[in-house]
Amino acid sequence: MLHSSRPFLHISLRDLRNNVKQFTTALPRVRPHYAVKSNPEKKILQVLHDEGTCFEVASVTEIEALLDLGVDPETILYSNPIKCPDSIRYATEVGLIWFCVDTPEEVLKIADINPFAKLYLRIAVSNEGSKHPLTDKFGATDTQSIIDMAKKCEIDICGVTFHVGSQCLNVQNWVEGIRSAKEILEQLDAPEMLNIGGGFPLQYTGDEPSIQRIGDVINQELEGIPESIQIVAEP
């Protein structure tokens, strides 16, 4: 029994490994990219790296932590849709190629620094039933202006992403998100990636949908998407 006069957080690395296995079993076609901002503790990142998990970042500090672990920078997703030029420049210099956008201005900013980047467009989708909706902060509603800007800048939009909201209890959000993303993918010249984001709920009360139930719904919606398109998520 541990005793301490201060609050502390106990993390089971065994449970962490089991969670990875549960996720990949429930969603066999989906490659997980752990959201580093949720907990950047080095031991956690190392275990996930050892288990074959990829990563998603929102800052330079997170990129540096992954590079220290020997993570392949070309597998890192820079999913913060608003990035300062210095961050884009640093990410480019160390080898990142995937950058999220949800405004024409972000496309222009990245194109000026790295015209060879692969962009993925974050679209707004329903967050109904999520404990922490994100639609007011992120996600494009006018996607055509972003696609047009990319063509003007001669930079490729290679993927689509969305987020159903944190601690999502409404499985239908993923259904609607995937269907909306499919429509955008059909407009792209060379689609390579569909990113179904995060929001997979923790089991606080037992009433939350399990990853197995969510997986059954998502797997059905993914049928028909060409194998040439990599499906990823950000748990």
C-alpha atoms as a PDB file:
ATOM      1  CA  MET A   1       0.000   0.000   0.000  1.00  0.00           C
ATOM      2  CA  LEU A   2       1.347   3.417  -0.984  1.00  0.00           C
ATOM      3  CA  HIS A   3       1.041   6.266   1.495  1.00  0.00           C
ATOM      4  CA  SER A   4       1.627   9.912   0.699  1.00  0.00           C
ATOM      5  CA  SER A   5       0.706  13.271   2.132  1.00  0.00           C
ATOM      6  CA  ARG A   6       0.309  14.601  -1.404  1.00  0.00           C
ATOM      7  CA  PRO A   7      -2.088  13.606  -4.180  1.00  0.00           C
ATOM      8  CA  PHE A   8      -0.510  11.384  -6.805  1.00  0.00           C
ATOM      9  CA  LEU A   9      -1.475   9.650 -10.034  1.00  0.00           C
ATOM     10  CA  HIS A  10      -0.922   5.909 -10.338  1.00  0.00           C
ATOM     11  CA  ILE A  11      -0.693   4.587 -13.904  1.00  0.00           C
ATOM     12  CA  SER A  12      -0.592   0.900 -14.739  1.00  0.00           C
ATOM     13  CA  LEU A  13       1.656   0.286 -17.739  1.00  0.00           C
ATOM     14  CA  ARG A  14       0.120  -3.194 -18.000  1.00  0.00           C
ATOM     15  CA  ASP A  15      -3.349  -1.693 -18.351  1.00  0.00           C
ATOM     16  CA  LEU A  16      -1.963   0.766 -20.885  1.00  0.00           C
ATOM     17  CA  ARG A  17      -0.689  -2.097 -23.040  1.00  0.00           C
ATOM     18  CA  ASN A  18      -4.040  -3.859 -22.686  1.00  0.00           C
ATOM     19  CA  ASN A  19      -5.851  -0.703 -23.767  1.00  0.00           C
ATOM     20  CA  VAL A  20      -3.759  -0.581 -26.934  1.00  0.00           C
ATOM     21  CA  LYS A  21      -4.661  -4.197 -27.687  1.00  0.00           C
ATOM     22  CA  GLN A  22      -8.364  -3.562 -27.026  1.00  0.00           C
ATOM     23  CA  PHE A  23      -8.357  -0.568 -29.356  1.00  0.00           C
ATOM     24  CA  THR A  24      -6.578  -2.319 -32.215  1.00  0.00           C
ATOM     25  CA  THR A  25      -8.749  -5.423 -31.806  1.00  0.00           C
ATOM     26  CA  ALA A  26     -11.959  -3.384 -31.900  1.00  0.00           C
ATOM     27  CA  LEU A  27     -10.765  -1.264 -34.840  1.00  0.00           C
ATOM     28  CA  PRO A  28      -8.441  -3.505 -36.884  1.00  0.00           C
ATOM     29  CA  ARG A  29      -8.222  -1.163 -39.876  1.00  0.00           C
ATOM     30  CA  VAL A  30      -7.569   1.953 -37.782  1.00  0.00           C
ATOM     31  CA  ARG A  31      -3.997   2.940 -36.907  1.00  0.00           C
ATOM     32  CA  PRO A  32      -3.925   4.667 -33.490  1.00  0.00           C
ATOM     33  CA  HIS A  33      -2.025   7.950 -33.130  1.00  0.00           C
ATOM     34  CA  TYR A  34      -1.922   8.687 -29.399  1.00  0.00           C
ATOM     35  CA  ALA A  35      -2.712  12.319 -28.550  1.00  0.00           C
ATOM     36  CA  VAL A  36       0.477  13.269 -26.718  1.00  0.00           C
ATOM     37  CA  LYS A  37      -1.111  16.333 -25.068  1.00  0.00           C
ATOM     38  CA  SER A  38      -3.353  14.053 -22.986  1.00  0.00           C
ATOM     39  CA  ASN A  39      -0.333  12.807 -21.026  1.00  0.00           C
ATOM     40  CA  PRO A  40       3.262  13.327 -22.261  1.00  0.00           C
ATOM     41  CA  GLU A  41       4.913  11.287 -19.492  1.00  0.00           C
ATOM     42  CA  LYS A  42       7.984   9.663 -21.037  1.00  0.00           C
ATOM     43  CA  LYS A  43       7.249   6.156 -19.713  1.00  0.00           C
ATOM     44  CA  ILE A  44       3.776   6.280 -21.253  1.00  0.00           C
ATOM     45  CA  LEU A  45       5.134   7.394 -24.609  1.00  0.00           C
ATOM     46  CA  GLN A  46       7.774   4.664 -24.505  1.00  0.00           C
ATOM     47  CA  VAL A  47       5.254   1.909 -23.787  1.00  0.00           C
ATOM     48  CA  LEU A  48       2.974   3.116 -26.567  1.00  0.00           C
ATOM     49  CA  HIS A  49       5.915   3.334 -28.960  1.00  0.00           C
ATOM     50  CA  ASP A  50       6.964  -0.198 -28.020  1.00  0.00           C
ATOM     51  CA  GLU A  51       3.402  -1.390 -28.709  1.00  0.00           C
ATOM     52  CA  GLY A  52       3.524   0.045 -32.222  1.00  0.00           C
ATOM     53  CA  THR A  53       1.306   3.051 -31.595  1.00  0.00           C
ATOM     54  CA  CYS A  54       1.890   6.203 -33.645  1.00  0.00           C
ATOM     55  CA  PHE A  55       1.417   9.740 -32.334  1.00  0.00           C
ATOM     56  CA  GLU A  56      -0.402  13.043 -32.796  1.00  0.00           C
ATOM     57  CA  VAL A  57       1.005  16.335 -31.503  1.00  0.00           C
ATOM     58  CA  ALA A  58      -0.064  19.902 -30.879  1.00  0.00           C
ATOM     59  CA  SER A  59       3.236  21.584 -29.984  1.00  0.00           C
ATOM     60  CA  VAL A  60       6.974  21.677 -30.588  1.00  0.00           C
ATOM     61  CA  THR A  61       7.619  20.314 -27.093  1.00  0.00           C
ATOM     62  CA  GLU A  62       5.621  17.214 -27.922  1.00  0.00           C
ATOM     63  CA  ILE A  63       7.503  16.755 -31.199  1.00  0.00           C
ATOM     64  CA  GLU A  64      10.822  16.952 -29.339  1.00  0.00           C
ATOM     65  CA  ALA A  65       9.680  14.313 -26.833  1.00  0.00           C
ATOM     66  CA  LEU A  66       8.834  11.903 -29.652  1.00  0.00           C
ATOM     67  CA  LEU A  67      12.062  12.512 -31.520  1.00  0.00           C
ATOM     68  CA  ASP A  68      13.952  11.692 -28.306  1.00  0.00           C
ATOM     69  CA  LEU A  69      12.218   8.292 -28.378  1.00  0.00           C
ATOM     70  CA  GLY A  70      13.263   7.693 -31.976  1.00  0.00           C
ATOM     71  CA  VAL A  71       9.763   8.025 -33.439  1.00  0.00           C
ATOM     72  CA  ASP A  72       9.727   8.320 -37.242  1.00  0.00           C
ATOM     73  CA  PRO A  73       8.755  11.980 -37.867  1.00  0.00           C
ATOM     74  CA  GLU A  74       6.901  11.070 -41.066  1.00  0.00           C
ATOM     75  CA  THR A  75       4.359   9.134 -38.950  1.00  0.00           C
ATOM     76  CA  ILE A  76       3.663  12.073 -36.601  1.00  0.00           C
ATOM     77  CA  LEU A  77       0.457  14.025 -37.214  1.00  0.00           C
ATOM     78  CA  TYR A  78       0.591  17.742 -36.389  1.00  0.00           C
ATOM     79  CA  SER A  79      -3.102  18.066 -35.594  1.00  0.00           C
ATOM     80  CA  ASN A  80      -3.187  21.515 -34.032  1.00  0.00           C
ATOM     81  CA  PRO A  81      -5.033  23.435 -36.787  1.00  0.00           C
ATOM     82  CA  ILE A  82      -3.547  26.801 -35.757  1.00  0.00           C
ATOM     83  CA  LYS A  83       0.261  26.806 -35.741  1.00  0.00           C
ATOM     84  CA  CYS A  84       2.743  29.650 -35.571  1.00  0.00           C
ATOM     85  CA  PRO A  85       5.229  29.921 -38.476  1.00  0.00           C
ATOM     86  CA  ASP A  86       8.201  29.020 -36.267  1.00  0.00           C
ATOM     87  CA  SER A  87       6.471  25.785 -35.218  1.00  0.00           C
ATOM     88  CA  ILE A  88       5.707  24.861 -38.822  1.00  0.00           C
ATOM     89  CA  ARG A  89       9.289  25.637 -39.793  1.00  0.00           C
ATOM     90  CA  TYR A  90      10.720  23.512 -36.950  1.00  0.00           C
ATOM     91  CA  ALA A  91       8.392  20.599 -37.709  1.00  0.00           C
ATOM     92  CA  THR A  92       9.414  20.723 -41.358  1.00  0.00           C
ATOM     93  CA  GLU A  93      13.121  20.830 -40.518  1.00  0.00           C
ATOM     94  CA  VAL A  94      12.897  17.703 -38.335  1.00  0.00           C
ATOM     95  CA  GLY A  95      10.939  15.744 -40.933  1.00  0.00           C
ATOM     96  CA  LEU A  96       7.207  16.053 -40.240  1.00  0.00           C
ATOM     97  CA  ILE A  97       5.070  15.952 -43.380  1.00  0.00           C
ATOM     98  CA  TRP A  98       1.457  15.850 -42.128  1.00  0.00           C
ATOM     99  CA  PHE A  99      -0.180  19.133 -41.068  1.00  0.00           C
ATOM    100  CA  CYS A 100      -3.811  19.795 -40.121  1.00  0.00           C
ATOM    101  CA  VAL A 101      -5.713  22.822 -41.469  1.00  0.00           C
ATOM    102  CA  ASP A 102      -9.211  24.223 -41.002  1.00  0.00           C
ATOM    103  CA  THR A 103      -8.842  27.697 -42.559  1.00  0.00           C
ATOM    104  CA  PRO A 104      -7.561  29.051 -45.898  1.00  0.00           C
ATOM    105  CA  GLU A 105      -5.101  31.211 -43.939  1.00  0.00           C
ATOM    106  CA  GLU A 106      -3.463  28.116 -42.419  1.00  0.00           C
ATOM    107  CA  VAL A 107      -3.068  26.594 -45.874  1.00  0.00           C
ATOM    108  CA  LEU A 108      -1.338  29.742 -47.103  1.00  0.00           C
ATOM    109  CA  LYS A 109       0.899  29.857 -44.022  1.00  0.00           C
ATOM    110  CA  ILE A 110       2.076  26.264 -44.454  1.00  0.00           C
ATOM    111  CA  ALA A 111       2.491  26.564 -48.226  1.00  0.00           C
ATOM    112  CA  ASP A 112       4.827  29.532 -47.787  1.00  0.00           C
ATOM    113  CA  ILE A 113       7.074  27.457 -45.511  1.00  0.00           C
ATOM    114  CA  ASN A 114       6.676  23.904 -46.780  1.00  0.00           C
ATOM    115  CA  PRO A 115       4.991  23.537 -50.188  1.00  0.00           C
ATOM    116  CA  PHE A 116       5.665  19.783 -50.081  1.00  0.00           C
ATOM    117  CA  ALA A 117       3.629  19.243 -46.892  1.00  0.00           C
ATOM    118  CA  LYS A 118       0.658  16.893 -46.888  1.00  0.00           C
ATOM    119  CA  LEU A 119      -2.366  18.694 -45.495  1.00  0.00           C
ATOM    120  CA  TYR A 120      -5.413  17.112 -43.899  1.00  0.00           C
ATOM    121  CA  LEU A 121      -8.585  19.129 -43.644  1.00  0.00           C
ATOM    122  CA  ARG A 122     -10.440  19.251 -40.327  1.00  0.00           C
ATOM    123  CA  ILE A 123     -14.179  19.482 -40.857  1.00  0.00           C
ATOM    124  CA  ALA A 124     -16.873  20.398 -38.350  1.00  0.00           C
ATOM    125  CA  VAL A 125     -19.168  17.507 -37.367  1.00  0.00           C
ATOM    126  CA  SER A 126     -21.840  16.926 -34.739  1.00  0.00           C
ATOM    127  CA  ASN A 127     -20.611  16.860 -31.133  1.00  0.00           C
ATOM    128  CA  GLU A 128     -24.074  16.141 -29.720  1.00  0.00           C
ATOM    129  CA  GLY A 129     -23.835  13.891 -26.670  1.00  0.00           C
ATOM    130  CA  SER A 130     -20.167  14.680 -25.995  1.00  0.00           C
ATOM    131  CA  LYS A 131     -19.166  15.908 -22.548  1.00  0.00           C
ATOM    132  CA  HIS A 132     -16.794  18.508 -24.028  1.00  0.00           C
ATOM    133  CA  PRO A 133     -17.901  19.702 -27.501  1.00  0.00           C
ATOM    134  CA  LEU A 134     -15.157  21.144 -29.718  1.00  0.00           C
ATOM    135  CA  THR A 135     -17.126  22.416 -32.719  1.00  0.00           C
ATOM    136  CA  ASP A 136     -17.034  26.023 -31.517  1.00  0.00           C
ATOM    137  CA  LYS A 137     -13.215  25.940 -31.511  1.00  0.00           C
ATOM    138  CA  PHE A 138     -12.142  23.752 -34.412  1.00  0.00           C
ATOM    139  CA  GLY A 139     -13.374  22.409 -37.732  1.00  0.00           C
ATOM    140  CA  ALA A 140     -14.225  24.024 -41.044  1.00  0.00           C
ATOM    141  CA  THR A 141     -17.771  24.529 -42.277  1.00  0.00           C
ATOM    142  CA  ASP A 142     -16.711  26.208 -45.530  1.00  0.00           C
ATOM    143  CA  THR A 143     -14.455  23.463 -46.861  1.00  0.00           C
ATOM    144  CA  GLN A 144     -14.502  24.633 -50.478  1.00  0.00           C
ATOM    145  CA  SER A 145     -12.582  27.826 -49.702  1.00  0.00           C
ATOM    146  CA  ILE A 146      -9.823  25.729 -48.125  1.00  0.00           C
ATOM    147  CA  ILE A 147      -9.664  23.323 -51.053  1.00  0.00           C
ATOM    148  CA  ASP A 148      -9.561  26.288 -53.446  1.00  0.00           C
ATOM    149  CA  MET A 149      -6.732  27.912 -51.494  1.00  0.00           C
ATOM    150  CA  ALA A 150      -4.715  24.685 -51.598  1.00  0.00           C
ATOM    151  CA  LYS A 151      -5.102  24.527 -55.381  1.00  0.00           C
ATOM    152  CA  LYS A 152      -4.084  28.169 -55.674  1.00  0.00           C
ATOM    153  CA  CYS A 153      -0.973  27.510 -53.559  1.00  0.00           C
ATOM    154  CA  GLU A 154      -0.255  24.239 -55.386  1.00  0.00           C
ATOM    155  CA  ILE A 155      -0.102  22.291 -52.141  1.00  0.00           C
ATOM    156  CA  ASP A 156      -1.819  18.931 -51.658  1.00  0.00           C
ATOM    157  CA  ILE A 157      -4.729  18.221 -49.331  1.00  0.00           C
ATOM    158  CA  CYS A 158      -4.250  14.496 -48.843  1.00  0.00           C
ATOM    159  CA  GLY A 159      -6.653  13.732 -46.028  1.00  0.00           C
ATOM    160  CA  VAL A 160      -9.696  14.610 -43.977  1.00  0.00           C
ATOM    161  CA  THR A 161     -10.142  14.623 -40.213  1.00  0.00           C
ATOM    162  CA  PHE A 162     -12.849  15.370 -37.677  1.00  0.00           C
ATOM    163  CA  HIS A 163     -13.419  15.179 -33.919  1.00  0.00           C
ATOM    164  CA  VAL A 164     -16.688  14.064 -32.344  1.00  0.00           C
ATOM    165  CA  GLY A 165     -15.980  15.851 -29.041  1.00  0.00           C
ATOM    166  CA  SER A 166     -14.216  14.668 -25.899  1.00  0.00           C
ATOM    167  CA  GLN A 167     -15.822  11.827 -23.922  1.00  0.00           C
ATOM    168  CA  CYS A 168     -18.304  11.162 -26.717  1.00  0.00           C
ATOM    169  CA  LEU A 169     -21.292   9.096 -25.612  1.00  0.00           C
ATOM    170  CA  ASN A 170     -23.135   9.344 -28.929  1.00  0.00           C
ATOM    171  CA  VAL A 171     -21.853   6.732 -31.377  1.00  0.00           C
ATOM    172  CA  GLN A 172     -23.862   8.339 -34.178  1.00  0.00           C
ATOM    173  CA  ASN A 173     -21.359  11.227 -34.217  1.00  0.00           C
ATOM    174  CA  TRP A 174     -18.760   8.914 -35.758  1.00  0.00           C
ATOM    175  CA  VAL A 175     -21.266   7.708 -38.340  1.00  0.00           C
ATOM    176  CA  GLU A 176     -22.091  11.244 -39.450  1.00  0.00           C
ATOM    177  CA  GLY A 177     -18.430  12.278 -39.307  1.00  0.00           C
ATOM    178  CA  ILE A 178     -17.249   9.428 -41.538  1.00  0.00           C
ATOM    179  CA  ARG A 179     -20.029  10.043 -44.045  1.00  0.00           C
ATOM    180  CA  SER A 180     -19.177  13.751 -44.234  1.00  0.00           C
ATOM    181  CA  ALA A 181     -15.475  12.961 -44.570  1.00  0.00           C
ATOM    182  CA  LYS A 182     -16.168  10.552 -47.444  1.00  0.00           C
ATOM    183  CA  GLU A 183     -17.807  13.373 -49.402  1.00  0.00           C
ATOM    184  CA  ILE A 184     -14.687  15.530 -48.997  1.00  0.00           C
ATOM    185  CA  LEU A 185     -12.330  12.666 -49.864  1.00  0.00           C
ATOM    186  CA  GLU A 186     -14.138  12.268 -53.177  1.00  0.00           C
ATOM    187  CA  GLN A 187     -13.233  15.872 -54.025  1.00  0.00           C
ATOM    188  CA  LEU A 188      -9.495  15.374 -53.467  1.00  0.00           C
ATOM    189  CA  ASP A 189      -7.111  14.559 -56.292  1.00  0.00           C
ATOM    190  CA  ALA A 190      -5.097  11.978 -54.360  1.00  0.00           C
ATOM    191  CA  PRO A 191      -6.652  11.117 -50.978  1.00  0.00           C
ATOM    192  CA  GLU A 192      -4.359   9.180 -48.663  1.00  0.00           C
ATOM    193  CA  MET A 193      -5.787   9.440 -45.160  1.00  0.00           C
ATOM    194  CA  LEU A 194      -9.023   9.524 -43.177  1.00  0.00           C
ATOM    195  CA  ASN A 195      -8.503  10.566 -39.562  1.00  0.00           C
ATOM    196  CA  ILE A 196     -11.520   9.819 -37.342  1.00  0.00           C
ATOM    197  CA  GLY A 197     -10.042  11.763 -34.428  1.00  0.00           C
ATOM    198  CA  GLY A 198     -10.459  11.058 -30.732  1.00  0.00           C
ATOM    199  CA  GLY A 199     -13.295  11.295 -28.228  1.00  0.00           C
ATOM    200  CA  PHE A 200     -13.376   7.590 -27.332  1.00  0.00           C
ATOM    201  CA  PRO A 201     -14.935   7.621 -23.847  1.00  0.00           C
ATOM    202  CA  LEU A 202     -13.474   6.434 -20.593  1.00  0.00           C
ATOM    203  CA  GLN A 203     -15.592   4.050 -18.561  1.00  0.00           C
ATOM    204  CA  TYR A 204     -16.602   6.118 -15.536  1.00  0.00           C
ATOM    205  CA  THR A 205     -20.043   4.674 -14.755  1.00  0.00           C
ATOM    206  CA  GLY A 206     -20.256   1.668 -17.058  1.00  0.00           C
ATOM    207  CA  ASP A 207     -23.029   3.291 -19.091  1.00  0.00           C
ATOM    208  CA  GLU A 208     -20.569   4.697 -21.631  1.00  0.00           C
ATOM    209  CA  PRO A 209     -20.379   2.887 -24.995  1.00  0.00           C
ATOM    210  CA  SER A 210     -17.501   0.415 -24.993  1.00  0.00           C
ATOM    211  CA  ILE A 211     -14.704   0.520 -27.550  1.00  0.00           C
ATOM    212  CA  GLN A 212     -16.082  -2.771 -28.897  1.00  0.00           C
ATOM    213  CA  ARG A 213     -19.512  -1.217 -29.534  1.00  0.00           C
ATOM    214  CA  ILE A 214     -17.980   1.903 -31.061  1.00  0.00           C
ATOM    215  CA  GLY A 215     -15.727  -0.298 -33.180  1.00  0.00           C
ATOM    216  CA  ASP A 216     -18.641  -2.295 -34.558  1.00  0.00           C
ATOM    217  CA  VAL A 217     -20.326   0.918 -35.758  1.00  0.00           C
ATOM    218  CA  ILE A 218     -17.158   2.503 -37.164  1.00  0.00           C
ATOM    219  CA  ASN A 219     -16.019  -0.671 -38.935  1.00  0.00           C
ATOM    220  CA  GLN A 220     -19.318  -0.865 -40.769  1.00  0.00           C
ATOM    221  CA  GLU A 221     -19.024   2.761 -41.906  1.00  0.00           C
ATOM    222  CA  LEU A 222     -15.475   2.201 -43.136  1.00  0.00           C
ATOM    223  CA  GLU A 223     -16.578  -0.522 -45.566  1.00  0.00           C
ATOM    224  CA  GLY A 224     -16.149   0.606 -49.122  1.00  0.00           C
ATOM    225  CA  ILE A 225     -13.313   3.026 -48.436  1.00  0.00           C
ATOM    226  CA  PRO A 226     -10.399   2.003 -50.696  1.00  0.00           C
ATOM    227  CA  GLU A 227      -7.503   0.201 -49.034  1.00  0.00           C
ATOM    228  CA  SER A 228      -5.224   2.875 -50.487  1.00  0.00           C
ATOM    229  CA  ILE A 229      -6.612   5.302 -47.905  1.00  0.00           C
ATOM    230  CA  GLN A 230      -5.004   4.899 -44.464  1.00  0.00           C
ATOM    231  CA  ILE A 231      -7.519   5.108 -41.624  1.00  0.00           C
ATOM    232  CA  VAL A 232      -6.176   6.602 -38.410  1.00  0.00           C
ATOM    233  CA  ALA A 233      -7.537   7.809 -35.068  1.00  0.00           C
ATOM    234  CA  GLU A 234      -6.285   9.952 -32.188  1.00  0.00           C
ATOM    235  CA  PRO A 235      -7.207   8.181 -28.922  1.00  0.00           C
END
